[in-house]
Protein backbone atom coordinates (compact mmCIF):
# COMPACT_ATOMS: atom_id res chain seq x y z
CA MET A 1 11.68 19.45 4.56
CA ILE A 2 9.60 16.33 3.93
CA GLY A 3 9.15 13.61 6.51
CA VAL A 4 8.33 10.06 5.43
CA ILE A 5 6.78 7.56 7.83
CA GLY A 6 6.74 4.01 6.45
CA GLY A 7 9.64 4.39 4.03
CA THR A 8 11.01 0.86 4.43
CA GLY A 9 7.95 -1.09 3.25
CA ILE A 10 6.82 -2.14 -0.23
CA THR A 11 5.13 1.16 -1.06
CA GLY A 12 7.31 3.38 1.10
CA SER A 13 10.54 2.20 -0.49
CA GLN A 14 9.09 3.03 -3.91
CA LEU A 15 8.21 6.50 -2.65
CA VAL A 16 11.76 6.94 -1.34
CA ALA A 17 13.13 6.01 -4.77
CA ALA A 18 10.74 8.43 -6.47
CA LEU A 19 11.68 11.29 -4.14
CA GLN A 20 15.37 10.58 -4.73
CA ALA A 21 14.78 10.61 -8.49
CA ARG A 22 13.28 14.08 -8.14
CA ALA A 23 16.12 15.31 -5.90
CA ALA A 24 13.69 16.05 -3.07
CA GLU A 25 14.88 16.94 0.40
CA PHE A 26 13.43 14.41 2.82
CA ARG A 27 14.07 12.28 5.88
CA CYS A 28 12.56 8.94 6.82
CA ILE A 29 11.24 8.56 10.34
CA VAL A 30 12.12 5.02 11.40
CA ARG A 31 11.95 2.99 14.58
CA ASP A 32 15.28 1.20 13.95
CA PRO A 33 17.80 3.28 11.96
CA ASP A 34 20.25 0.39 11.53
CA ALA A 35 17.60 -1.90 10.05
CA ALA A 36 16.30 0.94 7.86
CA LYS A 37 19.79 1.71 6.58
CA ALA A 38 20.20 -1.93 5.57
CA LYS A 39 17.02 -1.67 3.49
CA LEU A 40 17.32 1.86 2.09
CA GLY A 41 21.08 2.34 1.83
CA ASN A 42 23.43 4.96 3.21
CA ASP A 43 22.23 7.87 1.08
CA VAL A 44 18.79 8.18 2.72
CA GLU A 45 18.67 10.50 5.72
CA LEU A 46 17.08 8.85 8.74
CA VAL A 47 15.75 10.08 12.04
CA ARG A 48 14.52 7.91 14.88
CA GLY A 49 10.83 8.03 15.77
CA ASP A 50 8.35 5.45 17.02
CA LEU A 51 4.63 5.62 16.20
CA SER A 52 3.86 4.33 19.69
CA ASP A 53 5.93 7.13 21.29
CA THR A 54 4.48 10.57 20.53
CA SER A 55 7.35 12.45 22.15
CA SER A 56 9.86 10.72 19.87
CA LEU A 57 7.67 11.53 16.86
CA GLN A 58 7.41 15.22 17.68
CA SER A 59 11.17 15.44 18.10
CA ALA A 60 11.71 13.57 14.82
CA MET A 61 9.41 15.97 12.95
CA SER A 62 11.27 19.09 13.98
CA GLY A 63 11.72 21.28 10.91
CA PHE A 64 9.27 19.36 8.71
CA ASP A 65 6.65 21.24 6.71
CA THR A 66 5.30 18.16 4.89
CA LEU A 67 4.61 14.68 6.27
CA TYR A 68 3.74 11.42 4.52
CA ILE A 69 2.03 8.90 6.81
CA LEU A 70 2.04 5.21 5.97
CA CYS A 71 1.57 2.53 8.60
CA GLY A 72 1.65 -1.20 7.92
CA HIS A 73 -1.46 -3.21 8.68
CA SER A 74 -1.91 -3.51 12.42
CA PRO A 75 -4.75 -3.87 14.91
CA MET A 76 -3.36 -0.62 16.36
CA LEU A 77 -3.23 1.23 13.02
CA GLN A 78 -5.71 3.95 13.94
CA GLN A 79 -4.04 4.87 17.21
CA LEU A 80 -0.54 4.78 15.72
CA GLU A 81 -1.49 7.07 12.85
CA ILE A 82 -3.42 9.43 15.12
CA ASN A 83 -0.23 9.62 17.19
CA ALA A 84 1.57 10.77 14.04
CA LEU A 85 -1.15 13.33 13.32
CA GLU A 86 -1.02 14.76 16.84
CA ALA A 87 2.78 14.99 16.72
CA ALA A 88 2.55 16.71 13.32
CA LYS A 89 0.20 19.34 14.77
CA LYS A 90 2.60 20.07 17.62
CA ALA A 91 5.61 20.16 15.29
CA GLY A 92 3.96 22.71 12.99
CA VAL A 93 3.63 20.48 9.92
CA SER A 94 1.54 22.30 7.31
CA TYR A 95 0.80 19.55 4.78
CA ILE A 96 0.01 15.85 5.32
CA VAL A 97 -0.23 13.20 2.61
CA TYR A 98 -1.92 10.09 3.95
CA ALA A 99 -1.51 6.59 2.49
CA SER A 100 -4.94 5.01 2.95
CA GLY A 101 -6.59 1.89 1.52
CA SER A 102 -8.66 0.95 -1.49
CA GLU A 103 -11.58 3.20 -2.40
CA LYS A 104 -14.34 0.60 -1.96
CA GLY A 105 -13.04 -0.51 1.43
CA ILE A 106 -12.89 2.90 3.10
CA ARG A 107 -16.11 3.32 5.01
CA PRO A 108 -17.19 3.15 8.64
CA ASP A 109 -19.06 -0.13 8.10
CA SER A 110 -16.35 -1.81 6.01
CA PRO A 111 -16.06 -5.60 6.36
CA SER A 112 -12.39 -4.96 7.20
CA LYS A 113 -11.60 -3.33 10.53
CA VAL A 114 -8.31 -2.11 9.03
CA MET A 115 -10.29 -0.23 6.37
CA GLN A 116 -12.61 1.15 9.04
CA MET A 117 -9.55 2.50 10.83
CA HIS A 118 -8.29 4.09 7.61
CA TYR A 119 -11.66 5.81 7.28
CA HIS A 120 -11.45 7.30 10.77
CA VAL A 121 -7.85 8.44 10.28
CA GLU A 122 -8.80 10.10 6.99
CA GLU A 123 -11.59 11.98 8.73
CA ALA A 124 -9.27 13.07 11.56
CA ILE A 125 -6.69 14.38 9.10
CA LYS A 126 -9.28 16.24 7.03
CA SER A 127 -10.61 17.97 10.15
CA SER A 128 -7.17 18.71 11.63
CA GLY A 129 -6.75 22.19 10.15
CA ILE A 130 -3.66 21.00 8.26
CA ASP A 131 -3.62 20.92 4.46
CA TRP A 132 -4.04 17.33 3.33
CA ALA A 133 -4.20 14.88 0.45
CA VAL A 134 -5.13 11.20 0.55
CA SER A 135 -3.73 8.41 -1.62
CA ARG A 136 -6.07 5.43 -2.00
CA PRO A 137 -4.26 2.76 -4.02
CA ASN A 138 -6.33 -0.18 -5.21
CA TYR A 139 -5.29 -3.86 -5.11
CA PHE A 140 -1.48 -4.03 -5.09
CA MET A 141 0.04 -6.36 -7.68
CA SER A 142 2.44 -7.38 -4.92
CA THR A 143 -0.53 -8.87 -3.04
CA LEU A 144 -0.25 -11.76 -5.51
CA MET A 145 2.90 -12.79 -3.65
CA SER A 146 0.60 -14.53 -1.16
CA MET A 147 -0.20 -16.98 -3.98
CA ALA A 148 3.41 -17.52 -5.09
CA GLU A 149 4.44 -20.51 -2.98
CA PRO A 150 1.83 -22.99 -4.30
CA VAL A 151 2.57 -21.79 -7.83
CA ALA A 152 6.29 -22.46 -7.37
CA LYS A 153 5.90 -25.78 -5.52
CA MET A 154 2.78 -27.31 -7.08
CA GLY A 155 2.09 -25.37 -10.26
CA LYS A 156 -1.23 -24.21 -8.83
CA LEU A 157 -2.59 -20.71 -8.26
CA ILE A 158 -4.97 -21.16 -5.33
CA THR A 159 -7.53 -18.48 -4.51
CA SER A 160 -11.11 -18.03 -3.35
CA LEU A 161 -11.80 -15.69 -6.28
CA PRO A 162 -13.67 -16.79 -9.43
CA LYS A 163 -11.61 -16.63 -12.64
CA GLU A 164 -13.87 -13.94 -14.10
CA THR A 165 -13.23 -11.55 -11.19
CA GLY A 166 -11.87 -8.27 -12.54
CA ILE A 167 -9.42 -6.18 -10.50
CA SER A 168 -7.73 -2.89 -11.39
CA MET A 169 -4.38 -3.89 -9.92
CA ILE A 170 -1.66 -1.31 -9.42
CA HIS A 171 2.12 -1.61 -9.53
CA PRO A 172 3.81 -0.46 -6.28
CA THR A 173 6.21 1.71 -8.29
CA ASP A 174 3.25 3.67 -9.68
CA ILE A 175 1.96 4.20 -6.14
CA GLY A 176 5.34 5.59 -5.08
CA GLU A 177 5.69 7.88 -8.10
CA ALA A 178 2.14 9.17 -7.74
CA ALA A 179 2.67 9.83 -4.03
CA ALA A 180 5.87 11.74 -4.77
CA GLU A 181 3.98 14.10 -7.08
CA ILE A 182 1.22 14.61 -4.50
CA ILE A 183 3.83 15.38 -1.84
CA LEU A 184 5.96 17.72 -3.93
CA ASN A 185 3.13 19.63 -5.61
CA LYS A 186 1.04 21.28 -2.92
CA ASP A 187 -1.46 22.33 -5.56
CA ARG A 188 -2.57 18.69 -5.23
CA ALA A 189 -3.83 19.31 -1.67
CA GLY A 190 -7.47 18.84 -0.72
CA GLN A 191 -8.01 15.85 -3.00
CA THR A 192 -8.46 12.10 -2.54
CA TYR A 193 -6.61 10.11 -5.23
CA PHE A 194 -7.95 6.66 -6.11
CA LEU A 195 -4.97 5.03 -7.81
CA THR A 196 -5.52 2.10 -10.16
CA GLY A 197 -4.00 0.18 -12.99
CA PRO A 198 -5.93 -1.39 -15.87
CA VAL A 199 -8.50 -4.09 -15.09
CA ILE A 200 -7.30 -7.67 -15.35
CA THR A 201 -9.34 -10.79 -14.57
CA MET A 202 -7.99 -13.53 -12.34
CA GLY A 203 -8.13 -15.82 -15.37
CA GLN A 204 -5.79 -13.41 -17.15
CA VAL A 205 -3.60 -13.30 -14.03
CA VAL A 206 -2.96 -17.05 -14.21
CA GLU A 207 -2.20 -16.70 -17.92
CA GLU A 208 0.35 -13.95 -17.21
CA VAL A 209 1.91 -15.98 -14.39
CA SER A 210 2.13 -19.02 -16.67
CA LYS A 211 3.85 -16.92 -19.33
CA ALA A 212 6.28 -15.45 -16.79
CA VAL A 213 7.37 -18.81 -15.33
CA GLY A 214 7.35 -20.64 -18.66
CA LYS A 215 4.86 -23.36 -17.80
CA SER A 216 1.10 -23.83 -17.54
CA ILE A 217 -0.24 -23.00 -14.07
CA GLU A 218 -3.49 -24.57 -12.88
CA TYR A 219 -6.18 -22.27 -11.49
CA VAL A 220 -7.71 -23.66 -8.31
CA GLN A 221 -10.69 -21.91 -6.72
CA VAL A 222 -11.40 -22.85 -3.11
CA PRO A 223 -14.24 -21.82 -0.78
CA PRO A 224 -13.56 -18.70 1.34
CA GLU A 225 -13.61 -20.89 4.46
CA ALA A 226 -10.77 -23.01 3.08
CA ALA A 227 -8.76 -19.89 2.28
CA GLU A 228 -9.28 -18.61 5.82
CA LYS A 229 -8.16 -21.95 7.30
CA ALA A 230 -5.03 -21.94 5.12
CA MET A 231 -4.13 -18.46 6.36
CA ALA A 232 -4.68 -19.49 9.99
CA ASP A 233 -2.63 -22.66 9.47
CA LYS A 234 0.25 -20.47 8.28
CA GLY A 235 0.14 -18.65 11.61
CA MET A 236 -1.53 -15.44 10.47
CA PRO A 237 -3.16 -13.65 13.43
CA ASP A 238 -6.95 -13.61 13.60
CA TRP A 239 -7.20 -9.87 12.92
CA LEU A 240 -5.18 -10.22 9.71
CA VAL A 241 -7.16 -13.24 8.52
CA ALA A 242 -10.34 -11.21 9.10
CA HIS A 243 -8.92 -8.26 7.15
CA VAL A 244 -7.85 -10.35 4.16
CA SER A 245 -11.17 -12.22 4.15
CA GLY A 246 -13.12 -8.98 4.30
CA MET A 247 -11.17 -7.50 1.40
CA MET A 248 -11.51 -10.69 -0.67
CA GLY A 249 -15.26 -10.42 -0.17
CA ILE A 250 -15.15 -6.92 -1.65
CA VAL A 251 -13.00 -8.13 -4.56
CA ALA A 252 -15.24 -11.14 -5.24
CA LYS A 253 -18.28 -8.86 -5.62
CA GLY A 254 -16.49 -7.01 -8.41
CA ASP A 255 -16.09 -3.86 -6.35
CA MET A 256 -12.37 -3.44 -7.04
CA ASP A 257 -12.56 -3.15 -10.81
CA GLY A 258 -12.96 0.64 -10.95
CA VAL A 259 -10.47 2.56 -13.07
CA THR A 260 -9.19 6.12 -12.85
CA ASP A 261 -6.59 8.05 -14.80
CA TRP A 262 -4.89 9.48 -11.72
CA VAL A 263 -1.68 7.49 -12.20
CA GLU A 264 -1.17 8.93 -15.66
CA GLN A 265 -2.14 12.43 -14.53
CA LEU A 266 0.27 12.33 -11.59
CA THR A 267 3.22 10.48 -13.15
CA GLY A 268 2.96 11.43 -16.82
CA HIS A 269 2.89 7.81 -18.02
CA PRO A 270 0.27 5.04 -18.25
CA PRO A 271 0.05 2.63 -15.31
CA ARG A 272 2.47 -0.26 -15.40
CA THR A 273 1.01 -3.66 -16.30
CA LEU A 274 1.05 -7.00 -14.51
CA ASP A 275 3.63 -8.49 -16.88
CA GLN A 276 5.98 -5.65 -15.92
CA TRP A 277 5.55 -6.47 -12.24
CA LEU A 278 5.99 -10.20 -12.87
CA ASP A 279 9.22 -9.50 -14.72
CA GLY A 280 10.78 -8.56 -11.38
CA ALA A 281 8.80 -10.99 -9.19
CA LYS A 282 8.67 -14.19 -11.23
CA GLY A 283 11.44 -15.81 -9.19
CA ALA A 284 9.04 -16.16 -6.26
CA PHE A 285 6.62 -18.02 -8.55
CA GLY A 286 9.31 -20.44 -9.71
CA GLY A 287 10.33 -18.59 -12.85
């Protein structure tokens, strides 16, 4: 039996769909089963467990041999995921697949504390004595949603990134399908998977957005300080502003333009492209 932590989020819901498509036997560990049912539907088996409550997690994992761990960004991410790891040890889980962060951000001196926490959780899982695999998806295409409102309201894509910045963006569906293969095929254990799509520049992003919404969108580059102020003015907590700013610094240096063929190896098809993602998301951009 497979346990899924984080099945209601952007990536987790894609994993759930991929596991269903492959007729896998799994349960989602959720804090609020009613809210999860509203998101995932009635045909997904749910069990209550809270990452801040290790006793509830251990009970929820009863009978699991495989566990997928995905925690949303949080200043408590490391402790919450270590709680899941400790509960998995006690429950007798034999294989853990961990949803980490982008390859270039995962290091102990990362400019993002969230990425530092991912690094330490990875190390704890690798030294746990449990078989493991790590998924490191690069820049999510869905991250562009943070730029959608000004596009829809003002016809402007506002970012601190230069137009020539290249990013190997990845479609969330590809992340979910790749994770499903890693989970279901234990021959994939012992490997870190850096998941990417093809490289696209931010200049090409605005062109694709313009095409999707049917009008020309203006590209507006602002200083990083202005971007940070805009995030704070929207009410984003300081820790999240710091994380986003740290990651944008990595992106701006060109460090998120690496490409691998792991998506095609794991899913059997080439990575989805930005226009495919925009086809389902263009409404948020005013299309």
